[in-house]
PDB file of N, CA and C in Angstrom:
ATOM      1  N   MET A   1     147.997 190.158 122.304  1.00  0.00           N
ATOM      2  CA  MET A   1     149.449 190.209 122.321  1.00  0.00           C
ATOM      3  C   MET A   1     150.018 189.234 123.349  1.00  0.00           C
ATOM      4  N   LEU A   2     149.388 189.147 124.532  1.00  0.00           N
ATOM      5  CA  LEU A   2     149.845 188.215 125.564  1.00  0.00           C
ATOM      6  C   LEU A   2     149.692 186.776 125.088  1.00  0.00           C
ATOM      7  N   LYS A   3     148.545 186.482 124.443  1.00  0.00           N
ATOM      8  CA  LYS A   3     148.321 185.122 123.936  1.00  0.00           C
ATOM      9  C   LYS A   3     149.397 184.752 122.923  1.00  0.00           C
ATOM     10  N   THR A   4     149.731 185.679 122.040  1.00  0.00           N
ATOM     11  CA  THR A   4     150.752 185.419 121.027  1.00  0.00           C
ATOM     12  C   THR A   4     152.084 185.082 121.687  1.00  0.00           C
ATOM     13  N   GLY A   5     152.456 185.851 122.702  1.00  0.00           N
ATOM     14  CA  GLY A   5     153.707 185.588 123.413  1.00  0.00           C
ATOM     15  C   GLY A   5     153.713 184.235 124.100  1.00  0.00           C
ATOM     16  N   ILE A   6     152.591 183.878 124.712  1.00  0.00           N
ATOM     17  CA  ILE A   6     152.497 182.581 125.393  1.00  0.00           C
ATOM     18  C   ILE A   6     152.592 181.438 124.382  1.00  0.00           C
ATOM     19  N   VAL A   7     151.853 181.567 123.276  1.00  0.00           N
ATOM     20  CA  VAL A   7     151.872 180.514 122.252  1.00  0.00           C
ATOM     21  C   VAL A   7     153.275 180.361 121.685  1.00  0.00           C
ATOM     22  N   TYR A   8     153.928 181.471 121.361  1.00  0.00           N
ATOM     23  CA  TYR A   8     155.291 181.378 120.845  1.00  0.00           C
ATOM     24  C   TYR A   8     156.235 180.787 121.888  1.00  0.00           C
ATOM     25  N   GLY A   9     156.041 181.115 123.143  1.00  0.00           N
ATOM     26  CA  GLY A   9     156.879 180.547 124.196  1.00  0.00           C
ATOM     27  C   GLY A   9     156.711 179.040 124.314  1.00  0.00           C
ATOM     28  N   VAL A  10     155.463 178.575 124.280  1.00  0.00           N
ATOM     29  CA  VAL A  10     155.190 177.135 124.319  1.00  0.00           C
ATOM     30  C   VAL A  10     155.802 176.452 123.100  1.00  0.00           C
ATOM     31  N   ALA A  11     155.604 177.054 121.921  1.00  0.00           N
ATOM     32  CA  ALA A  11     156.152 176.475 120.686  1.00  0.00           C
ATOM     33  C   ALA A  11     157.669 176.365 120.772  1.00  0.00           C
ATOM     34  N   ALA A  12     158.308 177.417 121.241  1.00  0.00           N
ATOM     35  CA  ALA A  12     159.772 177.413 121.324  1.00  0.00           C
ATOM     36  C   ALA A  12     160.269 176.345 122.286  1.00  0.00           C
ATOM     37  N   PHE A  13     159.654 176.271 123.460  1.00  0.00           N
ATOM     38  CA  PHE A  13     160.076 175.254 124.425  1.00  0.00           C
ATOM     39  C   PHE A  13     159.922 173.857 123.839  1.00  0.00           C
ATOM     40  N   CYS A  14     158.781 173.605 123.194  1.00  0.00           N
ATOM     41  CA  CYS A  14     158.527 172.275 122.644  1.00  0.00           C
ATOM     42  C   CYS A  14     159.471 171.937 121.496  1.00  0.00           C
ATOM     43  N   GLU A  15     159.747 172.898 120.644  1.00  0.00           N
ATOM     44  CA  GLU A  15     160.667 172.617 119.541  1.00  0.00           C
ATOM     45  C   GLU A  15     162.070 172.339 120.058  1.00  0.00           C
ATOM     46  N   ILE A  16     162.537 173.168 120.958  1.00  0.00           N
ATOM     47  CA  ILE A  16     163.894 172.986 121.482  1.00  0.00           C
ATOM     48  C   ILE A  16     163.991 171.682 122.268  1.00  0.00           C
ATOM     49  N   ALA A  17     162.990 171.395 123.092  1.00  0.00           N
ATOM     50  CA  ALA A  17     163.004 170.145 123.865  1.00  0.00           C
ATOM     51  C   ALA A  17     162.965 168.934 122.934  1.00  0.00           C
ATOM     52  N   GLY A  18     162.147 169.008 121.889  1.00  0.00           N
ATOM     53  CA  GLY A  18     162.071 167.902 120.938  1.00  0.00           C
ATOM     54  C   GLY A  18     163.380 167.672 120.216  1.00  0.00           C
ATOM     55  N   CYS A  19     163.971 168.748 119.756  1.00  0.00           N
ATOM     56  CA  CYS A  19     165.269 168.626 119.078  1.00  0.00           C
ATOM     57  C   CYS A  19     166.359 168.166 120.042  1.00  0.00           C
ATOM     58  N   PHE A  20     166.299 168.645 121.279  1.00  0.00           N
ATOM     59  CA  PHE A  20     167.306 168.253 122.271  1.00  0.00           C
ATOM     60  C   PHE A  20     167.192 166.766 122.600  1.00  0.00           C
ATOM     61  N   ALA A  21     165.973 166.220 122.549  1.00  0.00           N
ATOM     62  CA  ALA A  21     165.803 164.785 122.781  1.00  0.00           C
ATOM     63  C   ALA A  21     166.588 163.988 121.733  1.00  0.00           C
ATOM     64  N   PHE A  22     166.514 164.429 120.480  1.00  0.00           N
ATOM     65  CA  PHE A  22     167.290 163.759 119.442  1.00  0.00           C
ATOM     66  C   PHE A  22     168.791 163.991 119.644  1.00  0.00           C
ATOM     67  N   TRP A  23     169.161 165.177 120.115  1.00  0.00           N
ATOM     68  CA  TRP A  23     170.563 165.486 120.420  1.00  0.00           C
ATOM     69  C   TRP A  23     171.078 164.523 121.493  1.00  0.00           C
ATOM     70  N   MET A  24     170.244 164.307 122.501  1.00  0.00           N
ATOM     71  CA  MET A  24     170.634 163.383 123.575  1.00  0.00           C
ATOM     72  C   MET A  24     170.921 161.990 123.006  1.00  0.00           C
ATOM     73  N   TRP A  25     170.033 161.538 122.145  1.00  0.00           N
ATOM     74  CA  TRP A  25     170.176 160.209 121.564  1.00  0.00           C
ATOM     75  C   TRP A  25     171.373 160.120 120.618  1.00  0.00           C
ATOM     76  N   LEU A  26     171.449 161.046 119.685  1.00  0.00           N
ATOM     77  CA  LEU A  26     172.448 160.928 118.623  1.00  0.00           C
ATOM     78  C   LEU A  26     173.821 161.512 118.959  1.00  0.00           C
ATOM     79  N   ARG A  27     173.857 162.528 119.792  1.00  0.00           N
ATOM     80  CA  ARG A  27     175.143 163.176 120.070  1.00  0.00           C
ATOM     81  C   ARG A  27     175.711 162.823 121.438  1.00  0.00           C
ATOM     82  N   LEU A  28     174.815 162.493 122.379  1.00  0.00           N
ATOM     83  CA  LEU A  28     175.286 162.202 123.731  1.00  0.00           C
ATOM     84  C   LEU A  28     175.145 160.722 124.090  1.00  0.00           C
ATOM     85  N   ASP A  29     174.866 159.911 123.078  1.00  0.00           N
ATOM     86  CA  ASP A  29     174.799 158.446 123.246  1.00  0.00           C
ATOM     87  C   ASP A  29     173.828 157.989 124.327  1.00  0.00           C
ATOM     88  N   LYS A  30     172.699 158.668 124.428  1.00  0.00           N
ATOM     89  CA  LYS A  30     171.651 158.250 125.355  1.00  0.00           C
ATOM     90  C   LYS A  30     170.741 157.251 124.655  1.00  0.00           C
ATOM     91  N   SER A  31     169.823 156.683 125.374  1.00  0.00           N
ATOM     92  CA  SER A  31     168.915 155.665 124.859  1.00  0.00           C
ATOM     93  C   SER A  31     168.058 156.184 123.705  1.00  0.00           C
ATOM     94  N   ALA A  32     167.730 155.286 122.781  1.00  0.00           N
ATOM     95  CA  ALA A  32     166.825 155.628 121.682  1.00  0.00           C
ATOM     96  C   ALA A  32     165.416 155.927 122.195  1.00  0.00           C
ATOM     97  N   LEU A  33     165.151 155.630 123.447  1.00  0.00           N
ATOM     98  CA  LEU A  33     163.854 155.958 124.039  1.00  0.00           C
ATOM     99  C   LEU A  33     163.617 157.465 124.085  1.00  0.00           C
ATOM    100  N   TRP A  34     164.678 158.250 123.928  1.00  0.00           N
ATOM    101  CA  TRP A  34     164.539 159.708 123.872  1.00  0.00           C
ATOM    102  C   TRP A  34     163.741 160.144 122.645  1.00  0.00           C
ATOM    103  N   ILE A  35     163.642 159.288 121.629  1.00  0.00           N
ATOM    104  CA  ILE A  35     162.912 159.635 120.413  1.00  0.00           C
ATOM    105  C   ILE A  35     161.429 159.887 120.707  1.00  0.00           C
ATOM    106  N   ALA A  36     160.826 159.075 121.543  1.00  0.00           N
ATOM    107  CA  ALA A  36     159.376 159.184 121.805  1.00  0.00           C
ATOM    108  C   ALA A  36     158.985 160.550 122.367  1.00  0.00           C
ATOM    109  N   PRO A  37     159.581 161.004 123.467  1.00  0.00           N
ATOM    110  CA  PRO A  37     159.195 162.335 123.946  1.00  0.00           C
ATOM    111  C   PRO A  37     159.599 163.443 122.973  1.00  0.00           C
ATOM    112  N   GLY A  38     160.662 163.196 122.217  1.00  0.00           N
ATOM    113  CA  GLY A  38     161.071 164.174 121.219  1.00  0.00           C
ATOM    114  C   GLY A  38     160.011 164.357 120.145  1.00  0.00           C
ATOM    115  N   LEU A  39     159.458 163.261 119.660  1.00  0.00           N
ATOM    116  CA  LEU A  39     158.424 163.336 118.635  1.00  0.00           C
ATOM    117  C   LEU A  39     157.146 163.984 119.158  1.00  0.00           C
ATOM    118  N   VAL A  40     156.769 163.650 120.385  1.00  0.00           N
ATOM    119  CA  VAL A  40     155.577 164.263 120.985  1.00  0.00           C
ATOM    120  C   VAL A  40     155.786 165.767 121.134  1.00  0.00           C
ATOM    121  N   SER A  41     156.941 166.142 121.605  1.00  0.00           N
ATOM    122  CA  SER A  41     157.248 167.552 121.790  1.00  0.00           C
ATOM    123  C   SER A  41     157.222 168.308 120.462  1.00  0.00           C
ATOM    124  N   LEU A  42     157.771 167.719 119.421  1.00  0.00           N
ATOM    125  CA  LEU A  42     157.767 168.373 118.113  1.00  0.00           C
ATOM    126  C   LEU A  42     156.359 168.473 117.532  1.00  0.00           C
ATOM    127  N   ALA A  43     155.500 167.497 117.828  1.00  0.00           N
ATOM    128  CA  ALA A  43     154.108 167.574 117.374  1.00  0.00           C
ATOM    129  C   ALA A  43     153.372 168.706 118.091  1.00  0.00           C
ATOM    130  N   VAL A  44     153.610 168.871 119.389  1.00  0.00           N
ATOM    131  CA  VAL A  44     152.983 169.970 120.136  1.00  0.00           C
ATOM    132  C   VAL A  44     153.484 171.314 119.601  1.00  0.00           C
ATOM    133  N   PHE A  45     154.749 171.394 119.281  1.00  0.00           N
ATOM    134  CA  PHE A  45     155.313 172.606 118.674  1.00  0.00           C
ATOM    135  C   PHE A  45     154.563 172.973 117.396  1.00  0.00           C
ATOM    136  N   ALA A  46     154.395 172.006 116.502  1.00  0.00           N
ATOM    137  CA  ALA A  46     153.715 172.276 115.234  1.00  0.00           C
ATOM    138  C   ALA A  46     152.274 172.710 115.469  1.00  0.00           C
ATOM    139  N   TRP A  47     151.591 172.053 116.389  1.00  0.00           N
ATOM    140  CA  TRP A  47     150.203 172.411 116.718  1.00  0.00           C
ATOM    141  C   TRP A  47     150.147 173.827 117.285  1.00  0.00           C
ATOM    142  N   ALA A  48     151.067 174.163 118.173  1.00  0.00           N
ATOM    143  CA  ALA A  48     151.051 175.484 118.815  1.00  0.00           C
ATOM    144  C   ALA A  48     151.132 176.608 117.789  1.00  0.00           C
ATOM    145  N   LEU A  49     151.951 176.435 116.770  1.00  0.00           N
ATOM    146  CA  LEU A  49     152.078 177.495 115.774  1.00  0.00           C
ATOM    147  C   LEU A  49     150.782 177.741 115.007  1.00  0.00           C
ATOM    148  N   THR A  50     149.895 176.747 114.957  1.00  0.00           N
ATOM    149  CA  THR A  50     148.607 176.960 114.283  1.00  0.00           C
ATOM    150  C   THR A  50     147.692 177.871 115.088  1.00  0.00           C
ATOM    151  N   LEU A  51     148.035 178.137 116.334  1.00  0.00           N
ATOM    152  CA  LEU A  51     147.207 178.987 117.197  1.00  0.00           C
ATOM    153  C   LEU A  51     147.512 180.474 117.039  1.00  0.00           C
ATOM    154  N   ILE A  52     148.547 180.812 116.286  1.00  0.00           N
ATOM    155  CA  ILE A  52     148.903 182.215 116.074  1.00  0.00           C
ATOM    156  C   ILE A  52     147.859 182.870 115.171  1.00  0.00           C
ATOM    157  N   ASP A  53     147.391 184.027 115.584  1.00  0.00           N
ATOM    158  CA  ASP A  53     146.330 184.728 114.864  1.00  0.00           C
ATOM    159  C   ASP A  53     146.898 185.527 113.688  1.00  0.00           C
ATOM    160  N   THR A  54     147.049 184.830 112.561  1.00  0.00           N
ATOM    161  CA  THR A  54     147.496 185.454 111.327  1.00  0.00           C
ATOM    162  C   THR A  54     146.905 184.664 110.162  1.00  0.00           C
ATOM    163  N   ALA A  55     146.674 185.337 109.068  1.00  0.00           N
ATOM    164  CA  ALA A  55     146.071 184.671 107.910  1.00  0.00           C
ATOM    165  C   ALA A  55     147.082 183.843 107.127  1.00  0.00           C
ATOM    166  N   ALA A  56     148.369 184.090 107.318  1.00  0.00           N
ATOM    167  CA  ALA A  56     149.399 183.416 106.537  1.00  0.00           C
ATOM    168  C   ALA A  56     150.354 182.652 107.440  1.00  0.00           C
ATOM    169  N   ALA A  57     150.499 181.370 107.167  1.00  0.00           N
ATOM    170  CA  ALA A  57     151.388 180.533 107.973  1.00  0.00           C
ATOM    171  C   ALA A  57     152.827 181.042 107.922  1.00  0.00           C
ATOM    172  N   GLY A  58     153.270 181.464 106.746  1.00  0.00           N
ATOM    173  CA  GLY A  58     154.643 181.934 106.606  1.00  0.00           C
ATOM    174  C   GLY A  58     154.966 183.103 107.517  1.00  0.00           C
ATOM    175  N   ARG A  59     153.987 183.977 107.726  1.00  0.00           N
ATOM    176  CA  ARG A  59     154.203 185.121 108.614  1.00  0.00           C
ATOM    177  C   ARG A  59     154.361 184.640 110.068  1.00  0.00           C
ATOM    178  N   ALA A  60     153.548 183.679 110.467  1.00  0.00           N
ATOM    179  CA  ALA A  60     153.666 183.126 111.819  1.00  0.00           C
ATOM    180  C   ALA A  60     155.030 182.471 112.007  1.00  0.00           C
ATOM    181  N   TYR A  61     155.480 181.746 110.988  1.00  0.00           N
ATOM    182  CA  TYR A  61     156.774 181.070 111.080  1.00  0.00           C
ATOM    183  C   TYR A  61     157.928 182.059 111.094  1.00  0.00           C
ATOM    184  N   ALA A  62     157.835 183.092 110.273  1.00  0.00           N
ATOM    185  CA  ALA A  62     158.903 184.090 110.205  1.00  0.00           C
ATOM    186  C   ALA A  62     159.061 184.810 111.537  1.00  0.00           C
ATOM    187  N   ALA A  63     157.948 185.229 112.113  1.00  0.00           N
ATOM    188  CA  ALA A  63     158.010 185.914 113.405  1.00  0.00           C
ATOM    189  C   ALA A  63     158.510 184.974 114.497  1.00  0.00           C
ATOM    190  N   TYR A  64     158.134 183.726 114.398  1.00  0.00           N
ATOM    191  CA  TYR A  64     158.573 182.735 115.383  1.00  0.00           C
ATOM    192  C   TYR A  64     160.098 182.607 115.401  1.00  0.00           C
ATOM    193  N   GLY A  65     160.726 182.837 114.265  1.00  0.00           N
ATOM    194  CA  GLY A  65     162.179 182.715 114.192  1.00  0.00           C
ATOM    195  C   GLY A  65     162.900 183.557 115.235  1.00  0.00           C
ATOM    196  N   GLY A  66     162.439 184.777 115.444  1.00  0.00           N
ATOM    197  CA  GLY A  66     163.059 185.636 116.452  1.00  0.00           C
ATOM    198  C   GLY A  66     162.862 185.111 117.864  1.00  0.00           C
ATOM    199  N   VAL A  67     161.671 184.602 118.114  1.00  0.00           N
ATOM    200  CA  VAL A  67     161.378 184.025 119.430  1.00  0.00           C
ATOM    201  C   VAL A  67     162.249 182.784 119.649  1.00  0.00           C
ATOM    202  N   TYR A  68     162.381 181.973 118.615  1.00  0.00           N
ATOM    203  CA  TYR A  68     163.191 180.760 118.706  1.00  0.00           C
ATOM    204  C   TYR A  68     164.642 181.087 119.066  1.00  0.00           C
ATOM    205  N   ILE A  69     165.183 182.120 118.455  1.00  0.00           N
ATOM    206  CA  ILE A  69     166.568 182.511 118.749  1.00  0.00           C
ATOM    207  C   ILE A  69     166.720 182.852 120.234  1.00  0.00           C
ATOM    208  N   CYS A  70     165.813 183.654 120.753  1.00  0.00           N
ATOM    209  CA  CYS A  70     165.883 184.037 122.169  1.00  0.00           C
ATOM    210  C   CYS A  70     165.695 182.825 123.080  1.00  0.00           C
ATOM    211  N   ALA A  71     164.730 181.990 122.751  1.00  0.00           N
ATOM    212  CA  ALA A  71     164.481 180.798 123.572  1.00  0.00           C
ATOM    213  C   ALA A  71     165.672 179.840 123.534  1.00  0.00           C
ATOM    214  N   SER A  72     166.320 179.734 122.390  1.00  0.00           N
ATOM    215  CA  SER A  72     167.492 178.860 122.285  1.00  0.00           C
ATOM    216  C   SER A  72     168.628 179.351 123.173  1.00  0.00           C
ATOM    217  N   LEU A  73     168.806 180.653 123.239  1.00  0.00           N
ATOM    218  CA  LEU A  73     169.847 181.199 124.114  1.00  0.00           C
ATOM    219  C   LEU A  73     169.492 181.011 125.582  1.00  0.00           C
ATOM    220  N   LEU A  74     168.219 181.094 125.907  1.00  0.00           N
ATOM    221  CA  LEU A  74     167.780 180.818 127.274  1.00  0.00           C
ATOM    222  C   LEU A  74     168.037 179.345 127.617  1.00  0.00           C
ATOM    223  N   TRP A  75     167.750 178.452 126.685  1.00  0.00           N
ATOM    224  CA  TRP A  75     168.031 177.019 126.859  1.00  0.00           C
ATOM    225  C   TRP A  75     169.531 176.802 127.070  1.00  0.00           C
ATOM    226  N   LEU A  76     170.336 177.465 126.240  1.00  0.00           N
ATOM    227  CA  LEU A  76     171.788 177.375 126.347  1.00  0.00           C
ATOM    228  C   LEU A  76     172.244 177.723 127.757  1.00  0.00           C
ATOM    229  N   TRP A  77     171.654 178.776 128.301  1.00  0.00           N
ATOM    230  CA  TRP A  77     172.052 179.276 129.614  1.00  0.00           C
ATOM    231  C   TRP A  77     171.517 178.396 130.743  1.00  0.00           C
ATOM    232  N   LEU A  78     170.218 178.100 130.733  1.00  0.00           N
ATOM    233  CA  LEU A  78     169.595 177.411 131.866  1.00  0.00           C
ATOM    234  C   LEU A  78     169.780 175.899 131.859  1.00  0.00           C
ATOM    235  N   ILE A  79     169.723 175.286 130.699  1.00  0.00           N
ATOM    236  CA  ILE A  79     169.797 173.827 130.619  1.00  0.00           C
ATOM    237  C   ILE A  79     171.225 173.350 130.384  1.00  0.00           C
ATOM    238  N   GLU A  80     171.916 173.994 129.460  1.00  0.00           N
ATOM    239  CA  GLU A  80     173.267 173.559 129.124  1.00  0.00           C
ATOM    240  C   GLU A  80     174.349 174.270 129.940  1.00  0.00           C
ATOM    241  N   ARG A  81     173.940 175.239 130.730  1.00  0.00           N
ATOM    242  CA  ARG A  81     174.854 175.947 131.645  1.00  0.00           C
ATOM    243  C   ARG A  81     175.982 176.701 130.948  1.00  0.00           C
ATOM    244  N   HIS A  82     175.674 177.284 129.772  1.00  0.00           N
ATOM    245  CA  HIS A  82     176.620 178.141 129.059  1.00  0.00           C
ATOM    246  C   HIS A  82     175.960 179.507 128.914  1.00  0.00           C
ATOM    247  N   PRO A  83     176.415 180.486 129.679  1.00  0.00           N
ATOM    248  CA  PRO A  83     175.763 181.797 129.587  1.00  0.00           C
ATOM    249  C   PRO A  83     175.998 182.449 128.225  1.00  0.00           C
ATOM    250  N   PRO A  84     174.961 183.085 127.681  1.00  0.00           N
ATOM    251  CA  PRO A  84     175.149 183.789 126.411  1.00  0.00           C
ATOM    252  C   PRO A  84     176.067 184.989 126.596  1.00  0.00           C
ATOM    253  N   ASP A  85     176.822 185.297 125.542  1.00  0.00           N
ATOM    254  CA  ASP A  85     177.696 186.467 125.622  1.00  0.00           C
ATOM    255  C   ASP A  85     176.979 187.683 125.035  1.00  0.00           C
ATOM    256  N   ARG A  86     177.655 188.810 125.006  1.00  0.00           N
ATOM    257  CA  ARG A  86     177.011 190.044 124.543  1.00  0.00           C
ATOM    258  C   ARG A  86     176.615 189.961 123.077  1.00  0.00           C
ATOM    259  N   TRP A  87     177.338 189.195 122.281  1.00  0.00           N
ATOM    260  CA  TRP A  87     177.001 189.055 120.867  1.00  0.00           C
ATOM    261  C   TRP A  87     175.749 188.204 120.699  1.00  0.00           C
ATOM    262  N   ASP A  88     175.628 187.175 121.526  1.00  0.00           N
ATOM    263  CA  ASP A  88     174.397 186.376 121.527  1.00  0.00           C
ATOM    264  C   ASP A  88     173.200 187.257 121.869  1.00  0.00           C
ATOM    265  N   LEU A  89     173.350 188.050 122.924  1.00  0.00           N
ATOM    266  CA  LEU A  89     172.243 188.891 123.390  1.00  0.00           C
ATOM    267  C   LEU A  89     171.905 189.994 122.396  1.00  0.00           C
ATOM    268  N   SER A  90     172.925 190.573 121.785  1.00  0.00           N
ATOM    269  CA  SER A  90     172.672 191.609 120.769  1.00  0.00           C
ATOM    270  C   SER A  90     171.939 191.032 119.570  1.00  0.00           C
ATOM    271  N   GLY A  91     172.376 189.892 119.102  1.00  0.00           N
ATOM    272  CA  GLY A  91     171.717 189.236 117.970  1.00  0.00           C
ATOM    273  C   GLY A  91     170.287 188.855 118.296  1.00  0.00           C
ATOM    274  N   ALA A  92     170.061 188.381 119.505  1.00  0.00           N
ATOM    275  CA  ALA A  92     168.713 188.007 119.918  1.00  0.00           C
ATOM    276  C   ALA A  92     167.796 189.231 119.971  1.00  0.00           C
ATOM    277  N   ALA A  93     168.311 190.342 120.448  1.00  0.00           N
ATOM    278  CA  ALA A  93     167.498 191.565 120.505  1.00  0.00           C
ATOM    279  C   ALA A  93     167.087 192.007 119.104  1.00  0.00           C
ATOM    280  N   VAL A  94     168.015 191.961 118.172  1.00  0.00           N
ATOM    281  CA  VAL A  94     167.700 192.337 116.792  1.00  0.00           C
ATOM    282  C   VAL A  94     166.664 191.378 116.206  1.00  0.00           C
ATOM    283  N   ALA A  95     166.835 190.085 116.438  1.00  0.00           N
ATOM    284  CA  ALA A  95     165.899 189.092 115.909  1.00  0.00           C
ATOM    285  C   ALA A  95     164.507 189.271 116.510  1.00  0.00           C
ATOM    286  N   LEU A  96     164.448 189.558 117.804  1.00  0.00           N
ATOM    287  CA  LEU A  96     163.154 189.742 118.454  1.00  0.00           C
ATOM    288  C   LEU A  96     162.464 191.008 117.963  1.00  0.00           C
ATOM    289  N   LEU A  97     163.213 192.049 117.720  1.00  0.00           N
ATOM    290  CA  LEU A  97     162.640 193.264 117.138  1.00  0.00           C
ATOM    291  C   LEU A  97     162.064 192.961 115.752  1.00  0.00           C
ATOM    292  N   GLY A  98     162.802 192.222 114.954  1.00  0.00           N
ATOM    293  CA  GLY A  98     162.312 191.835 113.639  1.00  0.00           C
ATOM    294  C   GLY A  98     161.040 191.006 113.728  1.00  0.00           C
ATOM    295  N   ALA A  99     160.993 190.095 114.676  1.00  0.00           N
ATOM    296  CA  ALA A  99     159.801 189.263 114.861  1.00  0.00           C
ATOM    297  C   ALA A  99     158.595 190.121 115.240  1.00  0.00           C
ATOM    298  N   ALA A 100     158.803 191.091 116.122  1.00  0.00           N
ATOM    299  CA  ALA A 100     157.706 191.974 116.543  1.00  0.00           C
ATOM    300  C   ALA A 100     157.187 192.804 115.368  1.00  0.00           C
ATOM    301  N   ILE A 101     158.086 193.279 114.542  1.00  0.00           N
ATOM    302  CA  ILE A 101     157.668 194.049 113.365  1.00  0.00           C
ATOM    303  C   ILE A 101     156.829 193.180 112.436  1.00  0.00           C
ATOM    304  N   ILE A 102     157.258 191.942 112.217  1.00  0.00           N
ATOM    305  CA  ILE A 102     156.532 191.041 111.326  1.00  0.00           C
ATOM    306  C   ILE A 102     155.147 190.722 111.859  1.00  0.00           C
ATOM    307  N   ILE A 103     155.041 190.356 113.107  1.00  0.00           N
ATOM    308  CA  ILE A 103     153.760 189.869 113.624  1.00  0.00           C
ATOM    309  C   ILE A 103     152.795 190.999 114.003  1.00  0.00           C
ATOM    310  N   PHE A 104     153.318 192.129 114.475  1.00  0.00           N
ATOM    311  CA  PHE A 104     152.433 193.188 114.956  1.00  0.00           C
ATOM    312  C   PHE A 104     152.326 194.380 114.012  1.00  0.00           C
ATOM    313  N   GLY A 105     153.057 194.368 112.908  1.00  0.00           N
ATOM    314  CA  GLY A 105     152.991 195.474 111.953  1.00  0.00           C
ATOM    315  C   GLY A 105     151.591 195.613 111.351  1.00  0.00           C
ATOM    316  N   PRO A 106     151.195 196.845 111.067  1.00  0.00           N
ATOM    317  CA  PRO A 106     149.858 197.053 110.485  1.00  0.00           C
ATOM    318  C   PRO A 106     149.753 196.425 109.100  1.00  0.00           C
ATOM    319  N   ARG A 107     148.618 195.851 108.818  1.00  0.00           N
ATOM    320  CA  ARG A 107     148.365 195.198 107.533  1.00  0.00           C
ATOM    321  C   ARG A 107     147.266 195.958 106.798  1.00  0.00           C
ATOM    322  N   THR A 108     147.409 196.082 105.503  1.00  0.00           N
ATOM    323  CA  THR A 108     146.396 196.752 104.695  1.00  0.00           C
ATOM    324  C   THR A 108     145.344 195.795 104.165  1.00  0.00           C
ATOM    325  N   ALA A 109     145.698 194.524 104.084  1.00  0.00           N
ATOM    326  CA  ALA A 109     144.717 193.551 103.575  1.00  0.00           C
ATOM    327  C   ALA A 109     144.678 192.312 104.424  1.00  0.00           C
TER     328      ALA A 109
END
């Protein structure tokens, strides 16, 4: 369970950082050199998701969605300096509960 949380955390950070690199370039008029670390970060994100212990990729991706929502709100708060409001936090809690049910729910096959 700890490994799963760490892997999802690494994946979320890498995906958000990779996407933010493109945001910097395309939305904030920063140098196109931001593309290189963005691509590396997105490749690490994709690799990290392969480390999730599940037989089906779709299940790993679905559960990751809840983690991504929470990590995005943390990014919003810590990097972009916009604190999440109660609706952000409520939605994140629901998404994280859904992710936990998907990844840790008992399987028959």
